[in-house]
């Protein structure tokens, strides 16, 4: 188990303003920059991971260090794997201490975008750390609740948090009764070696999803669900 608490980051205000549709040199830009400065001051993105080994592979299940996960696609992706890396990445609870007017939807949107940027920085940092320290070949990741409900049910967050052990507490992440995570800009998952790049979006049929990162792969969908 390893926790990464000192994750460096830099926030590019012009780039963030462009994404937030805030014109520079206007009143909104001044307020937006205030949020950026607050994030620079208190932001502490964090990540943690655990190297774990596969005990058993069933037809649609995988048992990792005594904890069984049920997902046909996860099972297929781990066909040739012997070890995985369970991970948790967060923007950090410190950002939730910044006062944001809950009735100001624009300010809330800006702050959510900035929190998301710190999460992205932490995700990249963890990936680079894993590749460097563990000399990983090509890898992909899966996340409970990402994509169609049947891909890897969000309820399996419980099993994943059990596998992560003390990591959630050490980096300040809480799993709610509805399987959502606090802070809201937090990602959990399993990273694994693979010969072919995989994204859950490839087997997700929600065409209108704003976070889609890859097109639906009809051939892969058919292979997974009808073989």
Protein backbone atom coordinates (compact mmCIF):
# COMPACT_ATOMS: atom_id res chain seq x y z
CA UNK A 1 0.00 0.00 0.00
CA UNK A 2 1.28 3.46 -0.84
CA UNK A 3 -0.19 6.92 -0.37
CA UNK A 4 0.88 9.91 -2.48
CA UNK A 5 0.20 13.12 -0.59
CA UNK A 6 2.69 15.52 -2.14
CA UNK A 7 1.33 15.86 -5.67
CA UNK A 8 2.56 19.03 -7.40
CA UNK A 9 0.10 20.99 -9.51
CA UNK A 10 -0.19 24.23 -11.39
CA UNK A 11 -3.45 25.82 -12.47
CA UNK A 12 -3.46 27.56 -15.84
CA UNK A 13 -6.00 30.35 -15.34
CA UNK A 14 -6.44 31.29 -19.04
CA UNK A 15 -7.03 27.65 -19.99
CA UNK A 16 -9.50 27.13 -17.15
CA UNK A 17 -11.33 30.35 -18.03
CA UNK A 18 -11.70 29.19 -21.60
CA UNK A 19 -13.19 25.90 -20.45
CA UNK A 20 -15.52 27.78 -18.11
CA UNK A 21 -16.52 30.20 -20.91
CA UNK A 22 -15.26 33.17 -18.89
CA UNK A 23 -13.93 36.09 -20.94
CA UNK A 24 -10.69 37.59 -19.69
CA UNK A 25 -10.62 41.18 -18.43
CA UNK A 26 -14.23 41.16 -17.23
CA UNK A 27 -15.86 41.14 -13.80
CA UNK A 28 -16.40 37.37 -13.92
CA UNK A 29 -12.70 36.86 -14.66
CA UNK A 30 -11.76 38.61 -11.42
CA UNK A 31 -14.07 36.37 -9.41
CA UNK A 32 -12.91 33.26 -11.27
CA UNK A 33 -9.27 34.12 -10.54
CA UNK A 34 -10.16 34.41 -6.87
CA UNK A 35 -11.29 30.79 -6.94
CA UNK A 36 -8.13 29.74 -8.76
CA UNK A 37 -5.99 31.45 -6.13
CA UNK A 38 -7.96 29.73 -3.37
CA UNK A 39 -7.34 26.34 -4.98
CA UNK A 40 -3.64 27.11 -5.33
CA UNK A 41 -3.51 28.03 -1.66
CA UNK A 42 -5.37 25.11 -0.07
CA UNK A 43 -5.43 22.39 -2.75
CA UNK A 44 -3.86 19.07 -1.74
CA UNK A 45 -4.74 16.39 -4.32
CA UNK A 46 -3.92 12.88 -3.16
CA UNK A 47 -3.79 9.30 -4.38
CA UNK A 48 -3.31 5.87 -2.91
CA UNK A 49 -2.97 2.39 -4.33
CA UNK A 50 -2.45 -1.21 -3.38
CA UNK A 51 -0.71 -3.87 -5.44
CA UNK A 52 -2.85 -6.99 -5.21
CA UNK A 53 -2.80 -10.49 -6.66
CA UNK A 54 -5.59 -12.52 -8.21
CA UNK A 55 -6.62 -15.65 -6.30
CA UNK A 56 -9.32 -17.10 -8.52
CA UNK A 57 -11.16 -16.46 -11.77
CA UNK A 58 -14.72 -17.68 -12.18
CA UNK A 59 -17.04 -17.42 -15.17
CA UNK A 60 -18.08 -13.86 -14.35
CA UNK A 61 -16.13 -13.23 -11.15
CA UNK A 62 -12.60 -12.43 -10.06
CA UNK A 63 -11.34 -12.96 -6.51
CA UNK A 64 -8.51 -10.63 -5.54
CA UNK A 65 -6.82 -11.23 -2.18
CA UNK A 66 -9.96 -12.87 -0.82
CA UNK A 67 -12.43 -10.29 -2.13
CA UNK A 68 -14.74 -11.33 -4.98
CA UNK A 69 -15.80 -8.91 -7.71
CA UNK A 70 -18.63 -9.70 -10.12
CA UNK A 71 -18.29 -8.24 -13.60
CA UNK A 72 -18.13 -10.16 -16.82
CA UNK A 73 -16.07 -7.42 -18.49
CA UNK A 74 -13.64 -7.09 -15.58
CA UNK A 75 -13.22 -10.88 -15.66
CA UNK A 76 -12.53 -10.78 -19.39
CA UNK A 77 -10.04 -7.92 -19.04
CA UNK A 78 -8.14 -9.82 -16.34
CA UNK A 79 -7.95 -13.03 -18.36
CA UNK A 80 -4.15 -12.96 -18.56
CA UNK A 81 -3.41 -10.84 -15.49
CA UNK A 82 -1.92 -12.10 -12.24
CA UNK A 83 -1.70 -8.79 -10.37
CA UNK A 84 -3.65 -5.55 -10.36
CA UNK A 85 -3.43 -2.15 -8.71
CA UNK A 86 -6.48 -1.02 -6.76
CA UNK A 87 -6.41 2.77 -6.56
CA UNK A 88 -8.15 5.83 -5.19
CA UNK A 89 -7.51 9.39 -6.38
CA UNK A 90 -9.06 12.60 -5.04
CA UNK A 91 -8.93 16.35 -5.43
CA UNK A 92 -8.65 16.48 -1.63
CA UNK A 93 -11.03 17.43 1.16
CA UNK A 94 -9.22 20.73 1.62
CA UNK A 95 -11.10 22.15 -1.36
CA UNK A 96 -14.43 21.44 0.33
CA UNK A 97 -13.44 23.85 3.10
CA UNK A 98 -13.52 26.81 0.70
CA UNK A 99 -16.71 28.83 1.06
CA UNK A 100 -18.79 28.68 -2.12
CA UNK A 101 -22.32 30.09 -2.20
CA UNK A 102 -24.53 27.09 -2.82
CA UNK A 103 -27.19 29.32 -4.35
CA UNK A 104 -24.75 30.75 -6.89
CA UNK A 105 -24.87 28.09 -9.59
CA UNK A 106 -22.17 29.79 -11.67
CA UNK A 107 -19.70 29.92 -8.78
CA UNK A 108 -20.51 26.28 -7.97
CA UNK A 109 -19.85 25.33 -11.60
CA UNK A 110 -16.51 27.15 -11.61
CA UNK A 111 -15.40 25.55 -8.37
CA UNK A 112 -16.43 22.09 -9.57
CA UNK A 113 -14.37 22.61 -12.73
CA UNK A 114 -11.31 23.64 -10.70
CA UNK A 115 -11.73 20.64 -8.40
CA UNK A 116 -11.93 18.43 -11.47
CA UNK A 117 -8.67 19.85 -12.76
CA UNK A 118 -6.88 18.93 -9.54
CA UNK A 119 -8.35 15.43 -9.79
CA UNK A 120 -7.03 15.12 -13.36
CA UNK A 121 -3.56 16.18 -12.20
CA UNK A 122 -3.61 13.53 -9.46
CA UNK A 123 -4.77 10.83 -11.90
CA UNK A 124 -1.87 11.59 -14.24
CA UNK A 125 0.57 11.68 -11.35
CA UNK A 126 -0.54 8.26 -10.11
CA UNK A 127 -0.33 6.74 -13.60
CA UNK A 128 3.21 8.06 -14.07
CA UNK A 129 4.20 6.85 -10.60
CA UNK A 130 2.88 3.33 -11.25
CA UNK A 131 4.54 3.10 -14.65
CA UNK A 132 7.86 4.33 -13.26
CA UNK A 133 7.97 2.36 -10.01
CA UNK A 134 6.48 -0.91 -11.21
CA UNK A 135 7.77 -0.85 -14.82
CA UNK A 136 4.29 -1.52 -16.13
CA UNK A 137 3.60 -2.39 -19.76
CA UNK A 138 0.47 -1.01 -21.41
CA UNK A 139 -2.31 -0.74 -18.86
CA UNK A 140 -6.01 0.10 -18.70
CA UNK A 141 -8.40 0.81 -15.85
CA UNK A 142 -11.95 0.00 -14.84
CA UNK A 143 -14.12 1.89 -12.36
CA UNK A 144 -17.26 0.65 -10.54
CA UNK A 145 -20.30 2.45 -11.90
CA UNK A 146 -18.57 3.69 -15.04
CA UNK A 147 -20.52 3.04 -18.24
CA UNK A 148 -23.67 0.92 -18.39
CA UNK A 149 -24.85 -0.37 -15.02
CA UNK A 150 -24.06 -3.94 -16.03
CA UNK A 151 -20.42 -3.23 -16.96
CA UNK A 152 -19.27 -3.10 -13.34
CA UNK A 153 -22.09 -2.25 -10.89
CA UNK A 154 -21.47 0.77 -8.68
CA UNK A 155 -22.49 -1.34 -5.66
CA UNK A 156 -19.11 -3.05 -5.98
CA UNK A 157 -17.51 0.08 -4.57
CA UNK A 158 -17.92 -1.69 -1.22
CA UNK A 159 -15.67 -4.55 -2.27
CA UNK A 160 -13.16 -2.17 -3.84
CA UNK A 161 -12.96 -0.05 -0.68
CA UNK A 162 -12.46 -3.25 1.32
CA UNK A 163 -9.54 -4.14 -0.94
CA UNK A 164 -8.10 -0.63 -0.54
CA UNK A 165 -7.97 -1.10 3.22
CA UNK A 166 -6.84 2.03 5.08
CA UNK A 167 -6.23 4.13 1.97
CA UNK A 168 -9.64 5.91 1.92
CA UNK A 169 -9.22 7.07 5.51
CA UNK A 170 -5.62 8.14 4.93
CA UNK A 171 -6.48 10.40 2.00
CA UNK A 172 -9.79 11.64 3.38
CA UNK A 173 -12.28 9.84 1.12
CA UNK A 174 -15.68 8.66 2.34
CA UNK A 175 -18.01 6.18 0.63
CA UNK A 176 -21.69 7.01 1.16
CA UNK A 177 -24.59 4.60 1.57
CA UNK A 178 -25.46 5.22 -2.09
CA UNK A 179 -21.92 4.29 -3.19
CA UNK A 180 -20.92 7.83 -4.11
CA UNK A 181 -17.65 9.27 -2.87
CA UNK A 182 -16.82 12.40 -0.91
CA UNK A 183 -15.15 14.61 -2.09
CA UNK A 184 -17.22 14.46 -5.25
CA UNK A 185 -14.13 14.76 -7.47
CA UNK A 186 -12.75 11.34 -6.56
CA UNK A 187 -12.08 8.29 -8.72
CA UNK A 188 -11.66 4.67 -7.65
CA UNK A 189 -10.77 1.68 -9.76
CA UNK A 190 -8.49 -1.16 -10.71
CA UNK A 191 -5.55 -0.73 -13.06
CA UNK A 192 -4.31 -3.80 -14.91
CA UNK A 193 -1.87 -4.80 -17.66
CA UNK A 194 -3.43 -5.34 -21.07
CA UNK A 195 -2.39 -5.89 -24.65
CA UNK A 196 -5.32 -3.84 -25.95
CA UNK A 197 -6.34 -0.47 -24.58
CA UNK A 198 -9.75 -0.54 -22.89
CA UNK A 199 -12.23 2.12 -21.78
CA UNK A 200 -15.61 1.38 -20.24
CA UNK A 201 -17.11 3.77 -22.80
CA UNK A 202 -16.39 1.15 -25.47
CA UNK A 203 -19.11 -1.07 -24.02
CA UNK A 204 -21.48 1.69 -22.90
CA UNK A 205 -24.62 2.42 -24.95
CA UNK A 206 -25.38 5.82 -23.38
CA UNK A 207 -24.73 7.83 -26.52
CA UNK A 208 -25.64 11.17 -24.92
CA UNK A 209 -23.13 10.89 -22.05
CA UNK A 210 -21.18 14.18 -21.78
CA UNK A 211 -18.14 12.38 -20.34
CA UNK A 212 -17.78 9.84 -23.14
CA UNK A 213 -14.07 9.26 -23.81
CA UNK A 214 -14.35 6.58 -26.50
CA UNK A 215 -16.92 5.50 -29.06
CA UNK A 216 -19.09 2.42 -28.57
CA UNK A 217 -17.24 -0.59 -29.97
CA UNK A 218 -20.01 -2.77 -31.39
CA UNK A 219 -17.67 -5.70 -32.02
CA UNK A 220 -16.31 -5.62 -28.47
CA UNK A 221 -19.83 -5.26 -27.10
CA UNK A 222 -20.95 -8.34 -29.01
CA UNK A 223 -17.89 -10.30 -27.92
CA UNK A 224 -18.38 -9.52 -24.26
CA UNK A 225 -22.13 -10.01 -23.98
CA UNK A 226 -22.82 -12.76 -26.50
CA UNK A 227 -19.81 -15.04 -26.49
